[in-house]
PDB file of N, CA and C in Angstrom:
ATOM      1  N   UNK A   1       0.830  -1.170   0.000  1.00  0.00           N
ATOM      2  CA  UNK A   1       0.000   0.000   0.000  1.00  0.00           C
ATOM      3  C   UNK A   1       0.891   1.255   0.000  1.00  0.00           C
ATOM      4  N   UNK A   2       0.796   2.090  -1.022  1.00  0.00           N
ATOM      5  CA  UNK A   2       1.672   3.261  -1.092  1.00  0.00           C
ATOM      6  C   UNK A   2       1.293   4.316  -0.056  1.00  0.00           C
ATOM      7  N   UNK A   3       2.299   5.063   0.332  1.00  0.00           N
ATOM      8  CA  UNK A   3       2.113   6.131   1.330  1.00  0.00           C
ATOM      9  C   UNK A   3       1.229   7.252   0.793  1.00  0.00           C
ATOM     10  N   UNK A   4       1.502   7.735  -0.436  1.00  0.00           N
ATOM     11  CA  UNK A   4       0.688   8.762  -1.095  1.00  0.00           C
ATOM     12  C   UNK A   4       0.285   8.279  -2.475  1.00  0.00           C
ATOM     13  N   UNK A   5      -0.879   8.684  -2.890  1.00  0.00           N
ATOM     14  CA  UNK A   5      -1.347   8.340  -4.225  1.00  0.00           C
ATOM     15  C   UNK A   5      -0.603   9.188  -5.249  1.00  0.00           C
ATOM     16  N   UNK A   6      -0.534   8.756  -6.503  1.00  0.00           N
ATOM     17  CA  UNK A   6       0.181   9.522  -7.538  1.00  0.00           C
ATOM     18  C   UNK A   6      -0.331  10.959  -7.669  1.00  0.00           C
ATOM     19  N   UNK A   7      -1.625  11.177  -7.546  1.00  0.00           N
ATOM     20  CA  UNK A   7      -2.185  12.531  -7.638  1.00  0.00           C
ATOM     21  C   UNK A   7      -1.654  13.403  -6.492  1.00  0.00           C
ATOM     22  N   UNK A   8      -1.525  12.827  -5.304  1.00  0.00           N
ATOM     23  CA  UNK A   8      -1.013  13.570  -4.147  1.00  0.00           C
ATOM     24  C   UNK A   8       0.449  13.940  -4.362  1.00  0.00           C
ATOM     25  N   UNK A   9       1.241  13.025  -4.959  1.00  0.00           N
ATOM     26  CA  UNK A   9       2.643  13.328  -5.252  1.00  0.00           C
ATOM     27  C   UNK A   9       2.760  14.511  -6.215  1.00  0.00           C
ATOM     28  N   UNK A  10       1.926  14.519  -7.241  1.00  0.00           N
ATOM     29  CA  UNK A  10       1.997  15.623  -8.203  1.00  0.00           C
ATOM     30  C   UNK A  10       1.566  16.938  -7.555  1.00  0.00           C
ATOM     31  N   UNK A  11       0.587  16.895  -6.663  1.00  0.00           N
ATOM     32  CA  UNK A  11       0.188  18.114  -5.946  1.00  0.00           C
ATOM     33  C   UNK A  11       1.296  18.597  -5.014  1.00  0.00           C
ATOM     34  N   UNK A  12       1.932  17.668  -4.339  1.00  0.00           N
ATOM     35  CA  UNK A  12       3.037  18.023  -3.442  1.00  0.00           C
ATOM     36  C   UNK A  12       4.202  18.613  -4.235  1.00  0.00           C
ATOM     37  N   UNK A  13       4.503  18.023  -5.382  1.00  0.00           N
ATOM     38  CA  UNK A  13       5.561  18.553  -6.235  1.00  0.00           C
ATOM     39  C   UNK A  13       5.213  19.956  -6.741  1.00  0.00           C
ATOM     40  N   UNK A  14       3.970  20.192  -7.110  1.00  0.00           N
ATOM     41  CA  UNK A  14       3.532  21.509  -7.589  1.00  0.00           C
ATOM     42  C   UNK A  14       3.682  22.564  -6.494  1.00  0.00           C
ATOM     43  N   UNK A  15       3.344  22.220  -5.260  1.00  0.00           N
ATOM     44  CA  UNK A  15       3.494  23.152  -4.139  1.00  0.00           C
ATOM     45  C   UNK A  15       4.969  23.450  -3.894  1.00  0.00           C
ATOM     46  N   UNK A  16       5.808  22.426  -3.933  1.00  0.00           N
ATOM     47  CA  UNK A  16       7.244  22.622  -3.752  1.00  0.00           C
ATOM     48  C   UNK A  16       7.812  23.514  -4.848  1.00  0.00           C
ATOM     49  N   UNK A  17       7.428  23.265  -6.097  1.00  0.00           N
ATOM     50  CA  UNK A  17       7.905  24.060  -7.226  1.00  0.00           C
ATOM     51  C   UNK A  17       7.439  25.506  -7.104  1.00  0.00           C
ATOM     52  N   UNK A  18       6.228  25.725  -6.696  1.00  0.00           N
ATOM     53  CA  UNK A  18       5.698  27.077  -6.509  1.00  0.00           C
ATOM     54  C   UNK A  18       6.479  27.826  -5.425  1.00  0.00           C
ATOM     55  N   UNK A  19       6.788  27.166  -4.343  1.00  0.00           N
ATOM     56  CA  UNK A  19       7.579  27.796  -3.267  1.00  0.00           C
ATOM     57  C   UNK A  19       8.988  28.128  -3.743  1.00  0.00           C
ATOM     58  N   UNK A  20       9.586  27.243  -4.504  1.00  0.00           N
ATOM     59  CA  UNK A  20      10.944  27.475  -5.014  1.00  0.00           C
ATOM     60  C   UNK A  20      10.974  28.654  -5.970  1.00  0.00           C
ATOM     61  N   UNK A  21       9.987  28.761  -6.846  1.00  0.00           N
ATOM     62  CA  UNK A  21       9.937  29.859  -7.804  1.00  0.00           C
ATOM     63  C   UNK A  21       9.644  31.178  -7.099  1.00  0.00           C
ATOM     64  N   UNK A  22       8.796  31.166  -6.097  1.00  0.00           N
ATOM     65  CA  UNK A  22       8.450  32.387  -5.363  1.00  0.00           C
ATOM     66  C   UNK A  22       9.660  32.960  -4.634  1.00  0.00           C
ATOM     67  N   UNK A  23      10.590  32.117  -4.259  1.00  0.00           N
ATOM     68  CA  UNK A  23      11.789  32.586  -3.554  1.00  0.00           C
ATOM     69  C   UNK A  23      12.787  33.239  -4.495  1.00  0.00           C
ATOM     70  N   UNK A  24      12.607  33.100  -5.783  1.00  0.00           N
ATOM     71  CA  UNK A  24      13.555  33.621  -6.768  1.00  0.00           C
ATOM     72  C   UNK A  24      13.047  34.887  -7.451  1.00  0.00           C
ATOM     73  N   UNK A  25      12.271  35.681  -6.756  1.00  0.00           N
ATOM     74  CA  UNK A  25      11.730  36.898  -7.349  1.00  0.00           C
ATOM     75  C   UNK A  25      12.841  37.935  -7.458  1.00  0.00           C
ATOM     76  N   UNK A  26      12.966  38.523  -8.624  1.00  0.00           N
ATOM     77  CA  UNK A  26      13.986  39.543  -8.877  1.00  0.00           C
ATOM     78  C   UNK A  26      13.499  40.888  -8.362  1.00  0.00           C
ATOM     79  N   UNK A  27      14.343  41.588  -7.649  1.00  0.00           N
ATOM     80  CA  UNK A  27      14.026  42.932  -7.185  1.00  0.00           C
ATOM     81  C   UNK A  27      14.929  43.913  -7.908  1.00  0.00           C
ATOM     82  N   UNK A  28      14.328  44.937  -8.478  1.00  0.00           N
ATOM     83  CA  UNK A  28      15.087  45.912  -9.247  1.00  0.00           C
ATOM     84  C   UNK A  28      15.816  46.883  -8.319  1.00  0.00           C
ATOM     85  N   UNK A  29      16.845  47.527  -8.865  1.00  0.00           N
ATOM     86  CA  UNK A  29      17.541  48.581  -8.140  1.00  0.00           C
ATOM     87  C   UNK A  29      16.645  49.805  -8.081  1.00  0.00           C
ATOM     88  N   UNK A  30      16.655  50.488  -6.953  1.00  0.00           N
ATOM     89  CA  UNK A  30      15.869  51.706  -6.790  1.00  0.00           C
ATOM     90  C   UNK A  30      16.830  52.871  -6.637  1.00  0.00           C
ATOM     91  N   UNK A  31      16.729  53.821  -7.558  1.00  0.00           N
ATOM     92  CA  UNK A  31      17.570  55.013  -7.517  1.00  0.00           C
ATOM     93  C   UNK A  31      16.679  56.240  -7.610  1.00  0.00           C
ATOM     94  N   UNK A  32      16.882  57.170  -6.689  1.00  0.00           N
ATOM     95  CA  UNK A  32      16.120  58.407  -6.683  1.00  0.00           C
ATOM     96  C   UNK A  32      17.054  59.565  -6.404  1.00  0.00           C
ATOM     97  N   UNK A  33      16.780  60.676  -7.046  1.00  0.00           N
ATOM     98  CA  UNK A  33      17.547  61.880  -6.771  1.00  0.00           C
ATOM     99  C   UNK A  33      18.693  62.092  -7.724  1.00  0.00           C
ATOM    100  N   UNK A  34      19.594  62.988  -7.303  1.00  0.00           N
ATOM    101  CA  UNK A  34      20.748  63.366  -8.118  1.00  0.00           C
ATOM    102  C   UNK A  34      21.958  62.513  -7.729  1.00  0.00           C
ATOM    103  N   UNK A  35      22.484  61.749  -8.682  1.00  0.00           N
ATOM    104  CA  UNK A  35      23.736  61.018  -8.451  1.00  0.00           C
ATOM    105  C   UNK A  35      24.865  62.001  -8.714  1.00  0.00           C
ATOM    106  N   UNK A  36      25.517  62.443  -7.664  1.00  0.00           N
ATOM    107  CA  UNK A  36      26.561  63.456  -7.773  1.00  0.00           C
ATOM    108  C   UNK A  36      27.936  62.809  -7.676  1.00  0.00           C
ATOM    109  N   UNK A  37      28.802  63.192  -8.571  1.00  0.00           N
ATOM    110  CA  UNK A  37      30.175  62.709  -8.539  1.00  0.00           C
ATOM    111  C   UNK A  37      30.958  63.499  -7.483  1.00  0.00           C
ATOM    112  N   UNK A  38      31.843  62.848  -6.741  1.00  0.00           N
ATOM    113  CA  UNK A  38      32.623  63.549  -5.713  1.00  0.00           C
ATOM    114  C   UNK A  38      33.410  64.742  -6.263  1.00  0.00           C
ATOM    115  N   UNK A  39      33.936  64.621  -7.475  1.00  0.00           N
ATOM    116  CA  UNK A  39      34.707  65.733  -8.049  1.00  0.00           C
ATOM    117  C   UNK A  39      33.813  66.947  -8.301  1.00  0.00           C
ATOM    118  N   UNK A  40      32.546  66.711  -8.669  1.00  0.00           N
ATOM    119  CA  UNK A  40      31.619  67.820  -8.882  1.00  0.00           C
ATOM    120  C   UNK A  40      31.224  68.482  -7.558  1.00  0.00           C
ATOM    121  N   UNK A  41      31.051  67.661  -6.539  1.00  0.00           N
ATOM    122  CA  UNK A  41      30.712  68.213  -5.220  1.00  0.00           C
ATOM    123  C   UNK A  41      31.863  69.066  -4.698  1.00  0.00           C
ATOM    124  N   UNK A  42      33.085  68.571  -4.848  1.00  0.00           N
ATOM    125  CA  UNK A  42      34.253  69.316  -4.374  1.00  0.00           C
ATOM    126  C   UNK A  42      34.482  70.597  -5.177  1.00  0.00           C
ATOM    127  N   UNK A  43      33.958  70.650  -6.396  1.00  0.00           N
ATOM    128  CA  UNK A  43      34.131  71.841  -7.234  1.00  0.00           C
ATOM    129  C   UNK A  43      33.246  73.000  -6.790  1.00  0.00           C
ATOM    130  N   UNK A  44      32.203  72.704  -6.039  1.00  0.00           N
ATOM    131  CA  UNK A  44      31.319  73.771  -5.547  1.00  0.00           C
ATOM    132  C   UNK A  44      32.028  74.490  -4.404  1.00  0.00           C
ATOM    133  N   UNK A  45      32.152  75.800  -4.539  1.00  0.00           N
ATOM    134  CA  UNK A  45      32.873  76.605  -3.546  1.00  0.00           C
ATOM    135  C   UNK A  45      32.010  77.781  -3.095  1.00  0.00           C
ATOM    136  N   UNK A  46      32.280  78.257  -1.905  1.00  0.00           N
ATOM    137  CA  UNK A  46      31.634  79.461  -1.404  1.00  0.00           C
ATOM    138  C   UNK A  46      32.010  80.617  -2.330  1.00  0.00           C
ATOM    139  N   UNK A  47      31.011  81.419  -2.714  1.00  0.00           N
ATOM    140  CA  UNK A  47      31.241  82.544  -3.603  1.00  0.00           C
ATOM    141  C   UNK A  47      30.753  82.305  -5.023  1.00  0.00           C
ATOM    142  N   UNK A  48      30.397  81.054  -5.352  1.00  0.00           N
ATOM    143  CA  UNK A  48      29.882  80.755  -6.687  1.00  0.00           C
ATOM    144  C   UNK A  48      28.439  81.264  -6.817  1.00  0.00           C
ATOM    145  N   UNK A  49      27.991  81.436  -8.044  1.00  0.00           N
ATOM    146  CA  UNK A  49      26.613  81.861  -8.285  1.00  0.00           C
ATOM    147  C   UNK A  49      25.704  80.640  -8.413  1.00  0.00           C
ATOM    148  N   UNK A  50      24.394  80.891  -8.388  1.00  0.00           N
ATOM    149  CA  UNK A  50      23.424  79.798  -8.563  1.00  0.00           C
ATOM    150  C   UNK A  50      23.614  79.119  -9.913  1.00  0.00           C
ATOM    151  N   UNK A  51      23.859  79.893 -10.947  1.00  0.00           N
ATOM    152  CA  UNK A  51      24.038  79.320 -12.287  1.00  0.00           C
ATOM    153  C   UNK A  51      25.259  78.414 -12.350  1.00  0.00           C
ATOM    154  N   UNK A  52      26.322  78.789 -11.677  1.00  0.00           N
ATOM    155  CA  UNK A  52      27.520  77.953 -11.668  1.00  0.00           C
ATOM    156  C   UNK A  52      27.256  76.630 -10.944  1.00  0.00           C
ATOM    157  N   UNK A  53      26.516  76.700  -9.826  1.00  0.00           N
ATOM    158  CA  UNK A  53      26.179  75.480  -9.077  1.00  0.00           C
ATOM    159  C   UNK A  53      25.264  74.597  -9.926  1.00  0.00           C
ATOM    160  N   UNK A  54      24.280  75.192 -10.574  1.00  0.00           N
ATOM    161  CA  UNK A  54      23.358  74.431 -11.426  1.00  0.00           C
ATOM    162  C   UNK A  54      24.116  73.771 -12.581  1.00  0.00           C
ATOM    163  N   UNK A  55      25.114  74.447 -13.122  1.00  0.00           N
ATOM    164  CA  UNK A  55      25.924  73.881 -14.204  1.00  0.00           C
ATOM    165  C   UNK A  55      26.686  72.647 -13.719  1.00  0.00           C
ATOM    166  N   UNK A  56      27.229  72.706 -12.509  1.00  0.00           N
ATOM    167  CA  UNK A  56      28.014  71.586 -11.974  1.00  0.00           C
ATOM    168  C   UNK A  56      27.149  70.425 -11.505  1.00  0.00           C
ATOM    169  N   UNK A  57      26.082  70.719 -10.763  1.00  0.00           N
ATOM    170  CA  UNK A  57      25.312  69.677 -10.081  1.00  0.00           C
ATOM    171  C   UNK A  57      23.942  69.391 -10.692  1.00  0.00           C
ATOM    172  N   UNK A  58      23.482  70.267 -11.562  1.00  0.00           N
ATOM    173  CA  UNK A  58      22.143  70.086 -12.116  1.00  0.00           C
ATOM    174  C   UNK A  58      21.098  70.765 -11.246  1.00  0.00           C
ATOM    175  N   UNK A  59      19.861  70.586 -11.619  1.00  0.00           N
ATOM    176  CA  UNK A  59      18.752  71.174 -10.877  1.00  0.00           C
ATOM    177  C   UNK A  59      18.547  70.406  -9.570  1.00  0.00           C
ATOM    178  N   UNK A  60      18.332  71.106  -8.456  1.00  0.00           N
ATOM    179  CA  UNK A  60      18.141  70.397  -7.192  1.00  0.00           C
ATOM    180  C   UNK A  60      16.841  69.601  -7.180  1.00  0.00           C
ATOM    181  N   UNK A  61      16.847  68.503  -6.431  1.00  0.00           N
ATOM    182  CA  UNK A  61      15.672  67.644  -6.325  1.00  0.00           C
ATOM    183  C   UNK A  61      14.580  68.337  -5.520  1.00  0.00           C
ATOM    184  N   UNK A  62      14.959  68.951  -4.431  1.00  0.00           N
ATOM    185  CA  UNK A  62      13.997  69.554  -3.527  1.00  0.00           C
ATOM    186  C   UNK A  62      14.061  71.068  -3.686  1.00  0.00           C
ATOM    187  N   UNK A  63      12.928  71.653  -3.999  1.00  0.00           N
ATOM    188  CA  UNK A  63      12.866  73.111  -4.045  1.00  0.00           C
ATOM    189  C   UNK A  63      11.790  73.552  -3.061  1.00  0.00           C
ATOM    190  N   UNK A  64      12.177  74.350  -2.112  1.00  0.00           N
ATOM    191  CA  UNK A  64      11.279  74.808  -1.066  1.00  0.00           C
ATOM    192  C   UNK A  64      10.741  76.188  -1.445  1.00  0.00           C
ATOM    193  N   UNK A  65       9.446  76.302  -1.698  1.00  0.00           N
ATOM    194  CA  UNK A  65       8.905  77.605  -2.092  1.00  0.00           C
ATOM    195  C   UNK A  65       8.954  78.643  -0.970  1.00  0.00           C
ATOM    196  N   UNK A  66       9.161  78.196   0.256  1.00  0.00           N
ATOM    197  CA  UNK A  66       9.187  79.121   1.383  1.00  0.00           C
ATOM    198  C   UNK A  66      10.600  79.588   1.732  1.00  0.00           C
ATOM    199  N   UNK A  67      11.608  78.854   1.257  1.00  0.00           N
ATOM    200  CA  UNK A  67      13.001  79.248   1.498  1.00  0.00           C
ATOM    201  C   UNK A  67      13.757  79.214   0.178  1.00  0.00           C
ATOM    202  N   UNK A  68      14.001  80.373  -0.362  1.00  0.00           N
ATOM    203  CA  UNK A  68      14.671  80.466  -1.653  1.00  0.00           C
ATOM    204  C   UNK A  68      16.191  80.431  -1.508  1.00  0.00           C
ATOM    205  N   UNK A  69      16.678  80.380  -0.272  1.00  0.00           N
ATOM    206  CA  UNK A  69      18.119  80.459  -0.040  1.00  0.00           C
ATOM    207  C   UNK A  69      18.787  79.095   0.141  1.00  0.00           C
ATOM    208  N   UNK A  70      18.075  78.024  -0.182  1.00  0.00           N
ATOM    209  CA  UNK A  70      18.618  76.689   0.077  1.00  0.00           C
ATOM    210  C   UNK A  70      18.262  75.744  -1.064  1.00  0.00           C
ATOM    211  N   UNK A  71      19.268  74.995  -1.537  1.00  0.00           N
ATOM    212  CA  UNK A  71      19.048  73.931  -2.518  1.00  0.00           C
ATOM    213  C   UNK A  71      19.460  72.612  -1.892  1.00  0.00           C
ATOM    214  N   UNK A  72      18.605  71.611  -2.002  1.00  0.00           N
ATOM    215  CA  UNK A  72      18.881  70.279  -1.463  1.00  0.00           C
ATOM    216  C   UNK A  72      19.076  69.298  -2.609  1.00  0.00           C
ATOM    217  N   UNK A  73      20.197  68.608  -2.575  1.00  0.00           N
ATOM    218  CA  UNK A  73      20.482  67.533  -3.525  1.00  0.00           C
ATOM    219  C   UNK A  73      20.447  66.233  -2.743  1.00  0.00           C
ATOM    220  N   UNK A  74      19.394  65.448  -2.948  1.00  0.00           N
ATOM    221  CA  UNK A  74      19.185  64.209  -2.210  1.00  0.00           C
ATOM    222  C   UNK A  74      19.412  63.039  -3.158  1.00  0.00           C
ATOM    223  N   UNK A  75      20.085  61.996  -2.647  1.00  0.00           N
ATOM    224  CA  UNK A  75      20.332  60.799  -3.444  1.00  0.00           C
ATOM    225  C   UNK A  75      20.051  59.566  -2.605  1.00  0.00           C
ATOM    226  N   UNK A  76      19.332  58.597  -3.206  1.00  0.00           N
ATOM    227  CA  UNK A  76      19.006  57.342  -2.550  1.00  0.00           C
ATOM    228  C   UNK A  76      19.201  56.222  -3.566  1.00  0.00           C
ATOM    229  N   UNK A  77      19.925  55.172  -3.169  1.00  0.00           N
ATOM    230  CA  UNK A  77      20.137  54.027  -4.046  1.00  0.00           C
ATOM    231  C   UNK A  77      20.093  52.751  -3.222  1.00  0.00           C
ATOM    232  N   UNK A  78      19.197  51.832  -3.624  1.00  0.00           N
ATOM    233  CA  UNK A  78      19.119  50.531  -2.979  1.00  0.00           C
ATOM    234  C   UNK A  78      19.239  49.464  -4.054  1.00  0.00           C
ATOM    235  N   UNK A  79      20.372  48.751  -4.077  1.00  0.00           N
ATOM    236  CA  UNK A  79      20.539  47.709  -5.086  1.00  0.00           C
ATOM    237  C   UNK A  79      19.768  46.437  -4.719  1.00  0.00           C
ATOM    238  N   UNK A  80      18.825  46.056  -5.579  1.00  0.00           N
ATOM    239  CA  UNK A  80      18.104  44.790  -5.437  1.00  0.00           C
ATOM    240  C   UNK A  80      17.564  44.511  -4.063  1.00  0.00           C
ATOM    241  N   UNK A  81      18.000  43.406  -3.483  1.00  0.00           N
ATOM    242  CA  UNK A  81      17.506  42.990  -2.173  1.00  0.00           C
ATOM    243  C   UNK A  81      18.352  43.498  -1.009  1.00  0.00           C
ATOM    244  N   UNK A  82      19.229  44.418  -1.278  1.00  0.00           N
ATOM    245  CA  UNK A  82      20.122  44.918  -0.235  1.00  0.00           C
ATOM    246  C   UNK A  82      19.345  45.569   0.896  1.00  0.00           C
ATOM    247  N   UNK A  83      19.827  45.388   2.086  1.00  0.00           N
ATOM    248  CA  UNK A  83      19.208  45.990   3.266  1.00  0.00           C
ATOM    249  C   UNK A  83      19.879  47.311   3.645  1.00  0.00           C
ATOM    250  N   UNK A  84      20.993  47.649   2.980  1.00  0.00           N
ATOM    251  CA  UNK A  84      21.745  48.858   3.308  1.00  0.00           C
ATOM    252  C   UNK A  84      21.771  49.814   2.119  1.00  0.00           C
ATOM    253  N   UNK A  85      20.758  50.673   2.009  1.00  0.00           N
ATOM    254  CA  UNK A  85      20.769  51.611   0.883  1.00  0.00           C
ATOM    255  C   UNK A  85      21.796  52.721   1.093  1.00  0.00           C
ATOM    256  N   UNK A  86      22.225  53.304  -0.018  1.00  0.00           N
ATOM    257  CA  UNK A  86      23.149  54.436   0.023  1.00  0.00           C
ATOM    258  C   UNK A  86      22.313  55.708   0.035  1.00  0.00           C
ATOM    259  N   UNK A  87      22.557  56.572   1.024  1.00  0.00           N
ATOM    260  CA  UNK A  87      21.823  57.830   1.144  1.00  0.00           C
ATOM    261  C   UNK A  87      22.821  58.970   1.240  1.00  0.00           C
ATOM    262  N   UNK A  88      22.564  60.011   0.461  1.00  0.00           N
ATOM    263  CA  UNK A  88      23.416  61.209   0.508  1.00  0.00           C
ATOM    264  C   UNK A  88      22.527  62.438   0.452  1.00  0.00           C
ATOM    265  N   UNK A  89      23.017  63.498   1.074  1.00  0.00           N
ATOM    266  CA  UNK A  89      22.256  64.733   1.101  1.00  0.00           C
ATOM    267  C   UNK A  89      23.244  65.890   1.107  1.00  0.00           C
ATOM    268  N   UNK A  90      23.191  66.698   0.068  1.00  0.00           N
ATOM    269  CA  UNK A  90      24.039  67.876  -0.050  1.00  0.00           C
ATOM    270  C   UNK A  90      23.135  69.101   0.003  1.00  0.00           C
ATOM    271  N   UNK A  91      23.483  70.045   0.867  1.00  0.00           N
ATOM    272  CA  UNK A  91      22.701  71.276   0.997  1.00  0.00           C
ATOM    273  C   UNK A  91      23.605  72.449   0.645  1.00  0.00           C
ATOM    274  N   UNK A  92      23.132  73.268  -0.293  1.00  0.00           N
ATOM    275  CA  UNK A  92      23.865  74.463  -0.703  1.00  0.00           C
ATOM    276  C   UNK A  92      23.040  75.666  -0.266  1.00  0.00           C
ATOM    277  N   UNK A  93      23.656  76.548   0.524  1.00  0.00           N
ATOM    278  CA  UNK A  93      22.979  77.737   1.044  1.00  0.00           C
ATOM    279  C   UNK A  93      23.409  78.964   0.243  1.00  0.00           C
ATOM    280  N   UNK A  94      22.461  79.831  -0.023  1.00  0.00           N
ATOM    281  CA  UNK A  94      22.710  81.042  -0.814  1.00  0.00           C
ATOM    282  C   UNK A  94      22.309  82.287  -0.034  1.00  0.00           C
ATOM    283  N   UNK A  95      22.961  83.377  -0.373  1.00  0.00           N
ATOM    284  CA  UNK A  95      22.547  84.699   0.078  1.00  0.00           C
ATOM    285  C   UNK A  95      22.743  85.626  -1.113  1.00  0.00           C
ATOM    286  N   UNK A  96      21.627  86.152  -1.614  1.00  0.00           N
ATOM    287  CA  UNK A  96      21.631  87.013  -2.801  1.00  0.00           C
ATOM    288  C   UNK A  96      22.309  86.325  -3.985  1.00  0.00           C
ATOM    289  N   UNK A  97      21.907  85.092  -4.255  1.00  0.00           N
ATOM    290  CA  UNK A  97      22.377  84.277  -5.388  1.00  0.00           C
ATOM    291  C   UNK A  97      23.854  83.901  -5.334  1.00  0.00           C
ATOM    292  N   UNK A  98      24.481  83.996  -4.185  1.00  0.00           N
ATOM    293  CA  UNK A  98      25.882  83.600  -4.000  1.00  0.00           C
ATOM    294  C   UNK A  98      25.937  82.514  -2.925  1.00  0.00           C
ATOM    295  N   UNK A  99      26.727  81.476  -3.175  1.00  0.00           N
ATOM    296  CA  UNK A  99      26.880  80.386  -2.198  1.00  0.00           C
ATOM    297  C   UNK A  99      27.577  80.925  -0.953  1.00  0.00           C
ATOM    298  N   UNK A 100      26.936  80.688   0.214  1.00  0.00           N
ATOM    299  CA  UNK A 100      27.531  81.113   1.483  1.00  0.00           C
ATOM    300  C   UNK A 100      27.968  79.933   2.342  1.00  0.00           C
ATOM    301  N   UNK A 101      27.352  78.760   2.119  1.00  0.00           N
ATOM    302  CA  UNK A 101      27.656  77.598   2.957  1.00  0.00           C
ATOM    303  C   UNK A 101      27.301  76.325   2.192  1.00  0.00           C
ATOM    304  N   UNK A 102      28.081  75.267   2.416  1.00  0.00           N
ATOM    305  CA  UNK A 102      27.840  73.975   1.778  1.00  0.00           C
ATOM    306  C   UNK A 102      27.886  72.895   2.860  1.00  0.00           C
ATOM    307  N   UNK A 103      26.798  72.155   2.993  1.00  0.00           N
ATOM    308  CA  UNK A 103      26.744  71.031   3.939  1.00  0.00           C
ATOM    309  C   UNK A 103      26.854  69.745   3.137  1.00  0.00           C
ATOM    310  N   UNK A 104      28.043  69.125   3.199  1.00  0.00           N
ATOM    311  CA  UNK A 104      28.271  67.866   2.481  1.00  0.00           C
ATOM    312  C   UNK A 104      27.918  66.692   3.373  1.00  0.00           C
ATOM    313  N   UNK A 105      27.323  65.676   2.772  1.00  0.00           N
ATOM    314  CA  UNK A 105      26.913  64.461   3.489  1.00  0.00           C
ATOM    315  C   UNK A 105      26.146  64.802   4.760  1.00  0.00           C
ATOM    316  N   UNK A 106      25.175  65.688   4.609  1.00  0.00           N
ATOM    317  CA  UNK A 106      24.310  66.028   5.743  1.00  0.00           C
ATOM    318  C   UNK A 106      23.607  64.759   6.192  1.00  0.00           C
ATOM    319  N   UNK A 107      23.306  64.683   7.456  1.00  0.00           N
ATOM    320  CA  UNK A 107      22.666  63.502   8.020  1.00  0.00           C
ATOM    321  C   UNK A 107      21.245  63.394   7.479  1.00  0.00           C
ATOM    322  N   UNK A 108      20.929  62.254   6.870  1.00  0.00           N
ATOM    323  CA  UNK A 108      19.579  62.015   6.368  1.00  0.00           C
ATOM    324  C   UNK A 108      18.765  61.454   7.507  1.00  0.00           C
ATOM    325  N   UNK A 109      17.706  62.153   7.854  1.00  0.00           N
ATOM    326  CA  UNK A 109      16.859  61.702   8.971  1.00  0.00           C
ATOM    327  C   UNK A 109      15.588  61.081   8.417  1.00  0.00           C
ATOM    328  N   UNK A 110      15.303  59.829   8.774  1.00  0.00           N
ATOM    329  CA  UNK A 110      14.065  59.202   8.290  1.00  0.00           C
ATOM    330  C   UNK A 110      12.859  59.888   8.911  1.00  0.00           C
ATOM    331  N   UNK A 111      11.773  59.928   8.139  1.00  0.00           N
ATOM    332  CA  UNK A 111      10.559  60.586   8.651  1.00  0.00           C
ATOM    333  C   UNK A 111       9.742  59.651   9.518  1.00  0.00           C
TER     334      UNK A 111
END
């Protein structure tokens, strides 16, 4: 007397195959924001104009309509199933369209 009928074996195999395939789901890389090269970040200096900063770094990701004196360049990258995403935040401060302060690798605070 067999332990399982042939139909039960095929059902058990189908469940096993479904579990194996479900574990192999591909997760795409997630990238958001401005990917800034270190040489471009280092090229930004106090005394530059907004146009010069925009030429080097591009348009900022975050524009605050209430504070025109600050540009935020935020970058987030999570490769596939990684648990450790890369986060960067560069803040450029202006006074009368001239850079007065640069905060490199500002601390990204989760909301």
